[in-house]
Amino acid sequence: MQVQARPLGGKTETLDHAIEAIRVRFGSQALTRVAELPPPLPWPSGTPLDRLTGIGGLPRGRLTLLTGTGTCGKLTLALALLAQATQEFAHAVVIDHARQFDPWAMLPFDPDLGSLTVITPPSAEAAGEAASALARAGAGFILLMGEIPEPWLAPMEAGAARSGAVVVGVVDAPGRALAHASSLSLGFTQAGWIYERGQLVGLNVGARCSKNKLAPPIGESDLQIFYAIGSTFPPHRCGGAAESGGAGRGRQLTALDQQHEEPECESAAV
C-alpha cells in the first residue's frame, strides 16, 4: 500500500520555514531529518553472534537482548562478549542488582579485568538509574544482568544513542517494555550436550534472531560452545546459562552455517 501526501497550498512552505527556524535557534542536533542520520555503527565482537545481526556486529547506541530459558548458553555468550569488550573499551560495566554475576567465570575468555567494573545496585530502580547514567557518560560496554524498570529504558536508550555505548541485556524472557526497547533480540535454545570419550565438553545451541530493527532478520544458526578442558561435572546453572570451571584451553564458540551451501564452519576462539 502506498500513501502519498497531497500539497496543502501554502502550509508546506510554512512548515518548512518553522522547521528551519527551529534548526537555527536550537542547532542542528535538535532537529535532524531522518535521511541525514548516519546508520548505527556495528561493534565487531569477534564472536559468531556477529553473523546474526545483519550488520557484522552488535549495534552501538542500541539495546541488544540475549534471551532463552534453561541451560541455553546465553550467559556464556554474554561472558564472551564482555571479555572481548574489556580488551577493546576503556570501561566495561556489569549492572547486576540480582547479584548473579561471577567475574571469575570469565577467566577462560581471557578478559582484561582492569577495565571491568561490576555494580550491584540495591534495587531494580537503582539499576535503571545506574544504566542511564553510565550510558549517558559514555561507558563503552554495558551488560545488564536482568531487567530494569520501564521508566529508565528511554533515558538509557537516549544516553546510549548519544555516546555510542554497546548495551547488552541477559534475560530469560523479556517483559513487554524491555522487548519493545531493544533493537536486536537473539534467542537461544539448548539442542543437546557434546561429549568426547564420555566426558562432557560442550553444548549445542540453536540461535535465532527474533527481532532486528537494523537489518532483515538473518534467521537461525547452530552454535557449539566448548567448555574448558578439565570439566568433569555438568555445568553449573547461573542465570539460566551453562557455566563450567577450569581454564585449561579456554572456551570456544563455533557457528555452523546452515544458510549457505558451503560446508565451511565459522569459528571464534575466545
C-alpha atoms as a PDB file:
ATOM      1  CA  MET A   1       0.000   0.000   0.000  1.00  0.00           C
ATOM      2  CA  GLN A   2       1.315   3.437  -0.920  1.00  0.00           C
ATOM      3  CA  VAL A   3       0.478   6.585   0.981  1.00  0.00           C
ATOM      4  CA  GLN A   4       1.063   9.842  -0.858  1.00  0.00           C
ATOM      5  CA  ALA A   5       0.969  13.282   0.717  1.00  0.00           C
ATOM      6  CA  ARG A   6      -1.053  15.917  -1.103  1.00  0.00           C
ATOM      7  CA  PRO A   7       0.186  19.505  -1.084  1.00  0.00           C
ATOM      8  CA  LEU A   8      -1.953  21.795   1.040  1.00  0.00           C
ATOM      9  CA  GLY A   9      -1.338  25.147  -0.574  1.00  0.00           C
ATOM     10  CA  GLY A  10       0.982  27.342   1.467  1.00  0.00           C
ATOM     11  CA  LYS A  11       1.027  25.046   4.514  1.00  0.00           C
ATOM     12  CA  THR A  12       4.026  23.087   3.236  1.00  0.00           C
ATOM     13  CA  GLU A  13       6.070  26.246   2.804  1.00  0.00           C
ATOM     14  CA  THR A  14       5.025  27.475   6.260  1.00  0.00           C
ATOM     15  CA  LEU A  15       6.065  24.150   7.813  1.00  0.00           C
ATOM     16  CA  ASP A  16       9.459  24.295   6.093  1.00  0.00           C
ATOM     17  CA  HIS A  17      10.027  27.771   7.497  1.00  0.00           C
ATOM     18  CA  ALA A  18       9.069  26.564  11.007  1.00  0.00           C
ATOM     19  CA  ILE A  19      11.469  23.604  10.792  1.00  0.00           C
ATOM     20  CA  GLU A  20      14.290  25.846   9.596  1.00  0.00           C
ATOM     21  CA  ALA A  21      13.596  28.322  12.419  1.00  0.00           C
ATOM     22  CA  ILE A  22      13.882  25.521  14.996  1.00  0.00           C
ATOM     23  CA  ARG A  23      17.145  24.372  13.448  1.00  0.00           C
ATOM     24  CA  VAL A  24      18.601  27.908  13.523  1.00  0.00           C
ATOM     25  CA  ARG A  25      17.505  28.594  17.102  1.00  0.00           C
ATOM     26  CA  PHE A  26      18.383  25.316  18.793  1.00  0.00           C
ATOM     27  CA  GLY A  27      21.057  23.908  16.498  1.00  0.00           C
ATOM     28  CA  SER A  28      21.212  21.047  14.038  1.00  0.00           C
ATOM     29  CA  GLN A  29      21.335  18.454  16.829  1.00  0.00           C
ATOM     30  CA  ALA A  30      17.852  19.455  17.996  1.00  0.00           C
ATOM     31  CA  LEU A  31      16.141  18.710  14.706  1.00  0.00           C
ATOM     32  CA  THR A  32      17.540  16.442  12.039  1.00  0.00           C
ATOM     33  CA  ARG A  33      15.835  14.857   9.077  1.00  0.00           C
ATOM     34  CA  VAL A  34      15.921  11.058   9.148  1.00  0.00           C
ATOM     35  CA  ALA A  35      17.647  10.953   5.762  1.00  0.00           C
ATOM     36  CA  GLU A  36      20.555  12.870   7.308  1.00  0.00           C
ATOM     37  CA  LEU A  37      21.045  10.472  10.221  1.00  0.00           C
ATOM     38  CA  PRO A  38      24.023   8.112   9.957  1.00  0.00           C
ATOM     39  CA  PRO A  39      23.270   4.385  10.267  1.00  0.00           C
ATOM     40  CA  PRO A  40      24.193   2.697  13.582  1.00  0.00           C
ATOM     41  CA  LEU A  41      27.824   1.624  13.622  1.00  0.00           C
ATOM     42  CA  PRO A  42      28.433  -2.040  14.447  1.00  0.00           C
ATOM     43  CA  TRP A  43      30.851  -3.247  17.084  1.00  0.00           C
ATOM     44  CA  PRO A  44      32.506  -6.414  15.724  1.00  0.00           C
ATOM     45  CA  SER A  45      32.621  -8.611  18.814  1.00  0.00           C
ATOM     46  CA  GLY A  46      34.688 -11.354  17.228  1.00  0.00           C
ATOM     47  CA  THR A  47      32.072 -13.946  18.202  1.00  0.00           C
ATOM     48  CA  PRO A  48      29.734 -15.951  15.936  1.00  0.00           C
ATOM     49  CA  LEU A  49      26.880 -13.693  17.089  1.00  0.00           C
ATOM     50  CA  ASP A  50      28.107 -11.049  14.636  1.00  0.00           C
ATOM     51  CA  ARG A  51      26.697 -13.170  11.816  1.00  0.00           C
ATOM     52  CA  LEU A  52      23.152 -12.979  13.184  1.00  0.00           C
ATOM     53  CA  THR A  53      22.990  -9.205  13.424  1.00  0.00           C
ATOM     54  CA  GLY A  54      22.962  -8.462   9.712  1.00  0.00           C
ATOM     55  CA  ILE A  55      25.439  -5.585  10.142  1.00  0.00           C
ATOM     56  CA  GLY A  56      28.553  -7.521  11.120  1.00  0.00           C
ATOM     57  CA  GLY A  57      28.494  -6.801  14.849  1.00  0.00           C
ATOM     58  CA  LEU A  58      26.404  -5.604  17.767  1.00  0.00           C
ATOM     59  CA  PRO A  59      24.892  -2.155  17.229  1.00  0.00           C
ATOM     60  CA  ARG A  60      26.426   0.779  19.067  1.00  0.00           C
ATOM     61  CA  GLY A  61      23.976   3.058  20.816  1.00  0.00           C
ATOM     62  CA  ARG A  62      21.261   0.399  20.863  1.00  0.00           C
ATOM     63  CA  LEU A  63      19.998  -2.311  23.215  1.00  0.00           C
ATOM     64  CA  THR A  64      20.682  -5.951  22.325  1.00  0.00           C
ATOM     65  CA  LEU A  65      18.915  -8.760  24.203  1.00  0.00           C
ATOM     66  CA  LEU A  66      20.142 -12.317  24.724  1.00  0.00           C
ATOM     67  CA  THR A  67      17.167 -14.445  25.749  1.00  0.00           C
ATOM     68  CA  GLY A  68      16.352 -18.068  26.486  1.00  0.00           C
ATOM     69  CA  THR A  69      15.269 -20.320  29.336  1.00  0.00           C
ATOM     70  CA  GLY A  70      17.091 -23.159  30.992  1.00  0.00           C
ATOM     71  CA  THR A  71      20.679 -24.043  30.196  1.00  0.00           C
ATOM     72  CA  CYS A  72      20.843 -22.468  26.748  1.00  0.00           C
ATOM     73  CA  GLY A  73      24.269 -20.818  26.777  1.00  0.00           C
ATOM     74  CA  LYS A  74      23.160 -17.185  26.714  1.00  0.00           C
ATOM     75  CA  LEU A  75      25.220 -16.234  29.769  1.00  0.00           C
ATOM     76  CA  THR A  76      28.286 -17.969  28.360  1.00  0.00           C
ATOM     77  CA  LEU A  77      27.840 -15.953  25.174  1.00  0.00           C
ATOM     78  CA  ALA A  78      27.381 -12.767  27.213  1.00  0.00           C
ATOM     79  CA  LEU A  79      30.640 -13.508  29.052  1.00  0.00           C
ATOM     80  CA  ALA A  80      32.408 -13.924  25.720  1.00  0.00           C
ATOM     81  CA  LEU A  81      31.109 -10.523  24.611  1.00  0.00           C
ATOM     82  CA  LEU A  82      32.056  -8.934  27.919  1.00  0.00           C
ATOM     83  CA  ALA A  83      35.571 -10.372  27.860  1.00  0.00           C
ATOM     84  CA  GLN A  84      36.112  -9.036  24.356  1.00  0.00           C
ATOM     85  CA  ALA A  85      34.752  -5.644  25.429  1.00  0.00           C
ATOM     86  CA  THR A  86      37.244  -5.429  28.308  1.00  0.00           C
ATOM     87  CA  GLN A  87      40.037  -5.737  25.749  1.00  0.00           C
ATOM     88  CA  GLU A  88      38.667  -3.082  23.396  1.00  0.00           C
ATOM     89  CA  PHE A  89      36.960  -0.477  25.607  1.00  0.00           C
ATOM     90  CA  ALA A  90      38.441   1.582  28.398  1.00  0.00           C
ATOM     91  CA  HIS A  91      35.373   0.916  30.544  1.00  0.00           C
ATOM     92  CA  ALA A  92      33.164  -2.183  30.507  1.00  0.00           C
ATOM     93  CA  VAL A  93      30.450  -2.296  33.156  1.00  0.00           C
ATOM     94  CA  VAL A  94      28.197  -5.027  34.546  1.00  0.00           C
ATOM     95  CA  ILE A  95      24.993  -3.936  36.314  1.00  0.00           C
ATOM     96  CA  ASP A  96      23.854  -6.826  38.492  1.00  0.00           C
ATOM     97  CA  HIS A  97      21.178  -5.932  41.019  1.00  0.00           C
ATOM     98  CA  ALA A  98      20.256  -9.638  41.375  1.00  0.00           C
ATOM     99  CA  ARG A  99      23.893 -10.467  42.274  1.00  0.00           C
ATOM    100  CA  GLN A 100      24.133 -13.344  39.801  1.00  0.00           C
ATOM    101  CA  PHE A 101      27.346 -12.312  38.047  1.00  0.00           C
ATOM    102  CA  ASP A 102      30.522 -14.280  38.769  1.00  0.00           C
ATOM    103  CA  PRO A 103      33.566 -12.439  37.359  1.00  0.00           C
ATOM    104  CA  TRP A 104      35.792 -15.485  37.733  1.00  0.00           C
ATOM    105  CA  ALA A 105      33.642 -17.403  35.248  1.00  0.00           C
ATOM    106  CA  MET A 106      35.100 -15.066  32.607  1.00  0.00           C
ATOM    107  CA  LEU A 107      38.679 -16.231  33.059  1.00  0.00           C
ATOM    108  CA  PRO A 108      38.574 -18.843  30.251  1.00  0.00           C
ATOM    109  CA  PHE A 109      37.777 -15.962  27.869  1.00  0.00           C
ATOM    110  CA  ASP A 110      40.958 -14.085  28.846  1.00  0.00           C
ATOM    111  CA  PRO A 111      39.383 -10.764  29.919  1.00  0.00           C
ATOM    112  CA  ASP A 112      41.212  -7.607  30.943  1.00  0.00           C
ATOM    113  CA  LEU A 113      39.831  -7.322  34.473  1.00  0.00           C
ATOM    114  CA  GLY A 114      41.461  -3.924  34.918  1.00  0.00           C
ATOM    115  CA  SER A 115      38.861  -2.315  32.650  1.00  0.00           C
ATOM    116  CA  LEU A 116      35.852  -4.119  34.179  1.00  0.00           C
ATOM    117  CA  THR A 117      33.574  -2.606  36.808  1.00  0.00           C
ATOM    118  CA  VAL A 118      30.756  -4.541  38.492  1.00  0.00           C
ATOM    119  CA  ILE A 119      27.893  -2.540  40.004  1.00  0.00           C
ATOM    120  CA  THR A 120      25.444  -4.221  42.373  1.00  0.00           C
ATOM    121  CA  PRO A 121      22.615  -1.709  42.957  1.00  0.00           C
ATOM    122  CA  PRO A 122      20.291  -2.347  45.901  1.00  0.00           C
ATOM    123  CA  SER A 123      17.183  -2.417  43.703  1.00  0.00           C
ATOM    124  CA  ALA A 124      15.983  -2.633  40.134  1.00  0.00           C
ATOM    125  CA  GLU A 125      15.141   1.070  40.279  1.00  0.00           C
ATOM    126  CA  ALA A 126      18.714   1.893  41.233  1.00  0.00           C
ATOM    127  CA  ALA A 127      19.943  -0.417  38.463  1.00  0.00           C
ATOM    128  CA  GLY A 128      17.916   1.554  35.927  1.00  0.00           C
ATOM    129  CA  GLU A 129      19.302   4.847  37.212  1.00  0.00           C
ATOM    130  CA  ALA A 130      22.858   3.483  37.028  1.00  0.00           C
ATOM    131  CA  ALA A 131      22.356   2.166  33.487  1.00  0.00           C
ATOM    132  CA  SER A 132      21.037   5.529  32.295  1.00  0.00           C
ATOM    133  CA  ALA A 133      23.876   7.463  33.907  1.00  0.00           C
ATOM    134  CA  LEU A 134      26.579   5.150  32.547  1.00  0.00           C
ATOM    135  CA  ALA A 135      25.137   5.134  29.032  1.00  0.00           C
ATOM    136  CA  ARG A 136      24.977   8.919  29.065  1.00  0.00           C
ATOM    137  CA  ALA A 137      28.534   9.171  30.423  1.00  0.00           C
ATOM    138  CA  GLY A 138      29.921   7.039  27.603  1.00  0.00           C
ATOM    139  CA  ALA A 139      30.714   3.630  29.085  1.00  0.00           C
ATOM    140  CA  GLY A 140      31.914   1.556  26.144  1.00  0.00           C
ATOM    141  CA  PHE A 141      30.062  -1.646  27.007  1.00  0.00           C
ATOM    142  CA  ILE A 142      27.224  -2.196  29.489  1.00  0.00           C
ATOM    143  CA  LEU A 143      25.976  -5.671  30.444  1.00  0.00           C
ATOM    144  CA  LEU A 144      22.578  -5.749  32.152  1.00  0.00           C
ATOM    145  CA  MET A 145      22.006  -8.826  34.273  1.00  0.00           C
ATOM    146  CA  GLY A 146      18.212  -8.804  34.279  1.00  0.00           C
ATOM    147  CA  GLU A 147      15.544  -6.232  33.514  1.00  0.00           C
ATOM    148  CA  ILE A 148      15.390  -2.608  34.535  1.00  0.00           C
ATOM    149  CA  PRO A 149      12.154  -0.688  35.212  1.00  0.00           C
ATOM    150  CA  GLU A 150      10.323   0.781  32.227  1.00  0.00           C
ATOM    151  CA  PRO A 151      10.767   4.476  33.236  1.00  0.00           C
ATOM    152  CA  TRP A 152      14.555   4.120  32.888  1.00  0.00           C
ATOM    153  CA  LEU A 153      14.558   2.469  29.463  1.00  0.00           C
ATOM    154  CA  ALA A 154      14.037   5.644  27.442  1.00  0.00           C
ATOM    155  CA  PRO A 155      16.772   7.631  29.290  1.00  0.00           C
ATOM    156  CA  MET A 156      19.165   4.699  28.889  1.00  0.00           C
ATOM    157  CA  GLU A 157      18.399   4.442  25.168  1.00  0.00           C
ATOM    158  CA  ALA A 158      18.841   8.164  24.669  1.00  0.00           C
ATOM    159  CA  GLY A 159      22.140   8.185  26.548  1.00  0.00           C
ATOM    160  CA  ALA A 160      23.473   5.192  24.619  1.00  0.00           C
ATOM    161  CA  ALA A 161      22.418   6.737  21.305  1.00  0.00           C
ATOM    162  CA  ARG A 162      24.405   9.889  22.088  1.00  0.00           C
ATOM    163  CA  SER A 163      27.511   8.157  23.428  1.00  0.00           C
ATOM    164  CA  GLY A 164      27.556   5.091  21.166  1.00  0.00           C
ATOM    165  CA  ALA A 165      27.643   2.656  24.095  1.00  0.00           C
ATOM    166  CA  VAL A 166      27.020  -1.029  23.393  1.00  0.00           C
ATOM    167  CA  VAL A 167      24.247  -2.210  25.742  1.00  0.00           C
ATOM    168  CA  VAL A 168      23.501  -5.929  26.148  1.00  0.00           C
ATOM    169  CA  GLY A 169      20.783  -7.373  28.371  1.00  0.00           C
ATOM    170  CA  VAL A 170      20.621 -11.002  29.531  1.00  0.00           C
ATOM    171  CA  VAL A 171      17.128 -12.193  30.489  1.00  0.00           C
ATOM    172  CA  ASP A 172      15.145 -15.419  30.361  1.00  0.00           C
ATOM    173  CA  ALA A 173      12.016 -13.881  28.830  1.00  0.00           C
ATOM    174  CA  PRO A 174      11.926 -10.088  28.442  1.00  0.00           C
ATOM    175  CA  GLY A 175       8.947  -8.086  29.565  1.00  0.00           C
ATOM    176  CA  ARG A 176       6.937  -6.141  27.040  1.00  0.00           C
ATOM    177  CA  ALA A 177       8.693  -2.817  27.708  1.00  0.00           C
ATOM    178  CA  LEU A 178      12.210  -4.267  27.505  1.00  0.00           C
ATOM    179  CA  ALA A 179      11.387  -6.216  24.348  1.00  0.00           C
ATOM    180  CA  HIS A 180       9.997  -3.056  22.748  1.00  0.00           C
ATOM    181  CA  ALA A 181      13.078  -1.028  23.728  1.00  0.00           C
ATOM    182  CA  SER A 182      15.513  -3.482  22.150  1.00  0.00           C
ATOM    183  CA  SER A 183      16.783  -3.032  18.607  1.00  0.00           C
ATOM    184  CA  LEU A 184      18.156  -6.555  18.366  1.00  0.00           C
ATOM    185  CA  SER A 185      16.954  -9.691  20.128  1.00  0.00           C
ATOM    186  CA  LEU A 186      18.705 -13.057  19.876  1.00  0.00           C
ATOM    187  CA  GLY A 187      17.050 -16.140  21.350  1.00  0.00           C
ATOM    188  CA  PHE A 188      18.854 -19.336  22.333  1.00  0.00           C
ATOM    189  CA  THR A 189      17.679 -22.900  22.951  1.00  0.00           C
ATOM    190  CA  GLN A 190      19.601 -25.951  24.080  1.00  0.00           C
ATOM    191  CA  ALA A 191      19.974 -28.562  21.350  1.00  0.00           C
ATOM    192  CA  GLY A 192      21.950 -31.156  23.308  1.00  0.00           C
ATOM    193  CA  TRP A 193      25.218 -31.802  25.119  1.00  0.00           C
ATOM    194  CA  ILE A 194      28.562 -32.535  23.471  1.00  0.00           C
ATOM    195  CA  TYR A 195      30.548 -35.482  24.826  1.00  0.00           C
ATOM    196  CA  GLU A 196      34.022 -36.700  23.978  1.00  0.00           C
ATOM    197  CA  ARG A 197      35.122 -40.104  25.332  1.00  0.00           C
ATOM    198  CA  GLY A 198      32.315 -39.996  27.851  1.00  0.00           C
ATOM    199  CA  GLN A 199      33.260 -36.562  29.149  1.00  0.00           C
ATOM    200  CA  LEU A 200      31.039 -33.510  28.907  1.00  0.00           C
ATOM    201  CA  VAL A 201      32.914 -30.955  26.809  1.00  0.00           C
ATOM    202  CA  GLY A 202      30.284 -28.585  25.441  1.00  0.00           C
ATOM    203  CA  LEU A 203      26.790 -27.609  24.464  1.00  0.00           C
ATOM    204  CA  ASN A 204      24.909 -27.458  21.174  1.00  0.00           C
ATOM    205  CA  VAL A 205      22.793 -24.304  20.957  1.00  0.00           C
ATOM    206  CA  GLY A 206      20.204 -23.119  18.486  1.00  0.00           C
ATOM    207  CA  ALA A 207      20.357 -19.342  17.928  1.00  0.00           C
ATOM    208  CA  ARG A 208      17.581 -17.323  16.323  1.00  0.00           C
ATOM    209  CA  CYS A 209      17.250 -13.621  15.536  1.00  0.00           C
ATOM    210  CA  SER A 210      13.701 -12.804  16.673  1.00  0.00           C
ATOM    211  CA  LYS A 211      13.881  -9.010  16.265  1.00  0.00           C
ATOM    212  CA  ASN A 212      16.106  -6.728  14.238  1.00  0.00           C
ATOM    213  CA  LYS A 213      15.477  -3.039  13.605  1.00  0.00           C
ATOM    214  CA  LEU A 214      18.789  -2.611  11.783  1.00  0.00           C
ATOM    215  CA  ALA A 215      18.705  -5.222   9.045  1.00  0.00           C
ATOM    216  CA  PRO A 216      16.500  -8.034   7.749  1.00  0.00           C
ATOM    217  CA  PRO A 217      16.476 -10.911  10.261  1.00  0.00           C
ATOM    218  CA  ILE A 218      19.149 -13.443   9.344  1.00  0.00           C
ATOM    219  CA  GLY A 219      17.152 -16.372  10.694  1.00  0.00           C
ATOM    220  CA  GLU A 220      18.661 -19.274  12.594  1.00  0.00           C
ATOM    221  CA  SER A 221      22.099 -20.733  13.146  1.00  0.00           C
ATOM    222  CA  ASP A 222      23.649 -23.514  15.205  1.00  0.00           C
ATOM    223  CA  LEU A 223      26.334 -22.747  17.768  1.00  0.00           C
ATOM    224  CA  GLN A 224      28.695 -25.027  19.627  1.00  0.00           C
ATOM    225  CA  ILE A 225      30.048 -23.928  22.997  1.00  0.00           C
ATOM    226  CA  PHE A 226      33.061 -25.901  24.138  1.00  0.00           C
ATOM    227  CA  TYR A 227      33.903 -25.765  27.829  1.00  0.00           C
ATOM    228  CA  ALA A 228      37.361 -25.550  29.273  1.00  0.00           C
ATOM    229  CA  ILE A 229      39.295 -28.796  29.453  1.00  0.00           C
ATOM    230  CA  GLY A 230      39.048 -30.283  32.903  1.00  0.00           C
ATOM    231  CA  SER A 231      35.274 -30.024  33.318  1.00  0.00           C
ATOM    232  CA  THR A 232      34.136 -33.411  34.582  1.00  0.00           C
ATOM    233  CA  PHE A 233      30.803 -32.371  36.067  1.00  0.00           C
ATOM    234  CA  PRO A 234      27.706 -30.924  34.404  1.00  0.00           C
ATOM    235  CA  PRO A 235      27.942 -27.149  34.095  1.00  0.00           C
ATOM    236  CA  HIS A 236      26.564 -25.028  36.866  1.00  0.00           C
ATOM    237  CA  ARG A 237      23.388 -23.166  36.090  1.00  0.00           C
ATOM    238  CA  CYS A 238      23.807 -19.469  36.551  1.00  0.00           C
ATOM    239  CA  GLY A 239      21.189 -17.071  35.252  1.00  0.00           C
ATOM    240  CA  GLY A 240      19.803 -19.811  33.012  1.00  0.00           C
ATOM    241  CA  ALA A 241      23.032 -20.371  31.084  1.00  0.00           C
ATOM    242  CA  ALA A 242      25.672 -23.056  31.053  1.00  0.00           C
ATOM    243  CA  GLU A 243      28.819 -22.426  33.028  1.00  0.00           C
ATOM    244  CA  SER A 244      31.758 -24.641  33.873  1.00  0.00           C
ATOM    245  CA  GLY A 245      35.013 -24.360  35.713  1.00  0.00           C
ATOM    246  CA  GLY A 246      38.569 -24.798  34.556  1.00  0.00           C
ATOM    247  CA  ALA A 247      40.624 -22.746  32.171  1.00  0.00           C
ATOM    248  CA  GLY A 248      42.792 -25.350  30.525  1.00  0.00           C
ATOM    249  CA  ARG A 249      42.195 -24.495  26.877  1.00  0.00           C
ATOM    250  CA  GLY A 250      39.783 -21.613  27.194  1.00  0.00           C
ATOM    251  CA  ARG A 251      36.302 -21.728  25.758  1.00  0.00           C
ATOM    252  CA  GLN A 252      35.435 -21.827  22.113  1.00  0.00           C
ATOM    253  CA  LEU A 253      32.305 -20.683  20.339  1.00  0.00           C
ATOM    254  CA  THR A 254      31.651 -22.189  16.942  1.00  0.00           C
ATOM    255  CA  ALA A 255      28.947 -21.169  14.473  1.00  0.00           C
ATOM    256  CA  LEU A 256      27.793 -23.782  11.984  1.00  0.00           C
ATOM    257  CA  ASP A 257      26.448 -22.140   8.827  1.00  0.00           C
ATOM    258  CA  GLN A 258      23.153 -23.680   7.734  1.00  0.00           C
ATOM    259  CA  GLN A 259      22.126 -20.928   5.344  1.00  0.00           C
ATOM    260  CA  HIS A 260      24.770 -21.418   2.656  1.00  0.00           C
ATOM    261  CA  GLU A 261      25.663 -24.424   0.590  1.00  0.00           C
ATOM    262  CA  GLU A 262      29.335 -24.270   1.566  1.00  0.00           C
ATOM    263  CA  PRO A 263      30.143 -26.829   4.289  1.00  0.00           C
ATOM    264  CA  GLU A 264      32.578 -24.444   5.968  1.00  0.00           C
ATOM    265  CA  CYS A 265      32.188 -23.505   9.623  1.00  0.00           C
ATOM    266  CA  GLU A 266      32.956 -20.126  11.070  1.00  0.00           C
ATOM    267  CA  SER A 267      34.709 -20.311  14.426  1.00  0.00           C
ATOM    268  CA  ALA A 268      35.715 -17.770  17.007  1.00  0.00           C
ATOM    269  CA  ALA A 269      38.147 -18.910  19.651  1.00  0.00           C
ATOM    270  CA  VAL A 270      37.815 -16.795  22.768  1.00  0.00           C
END
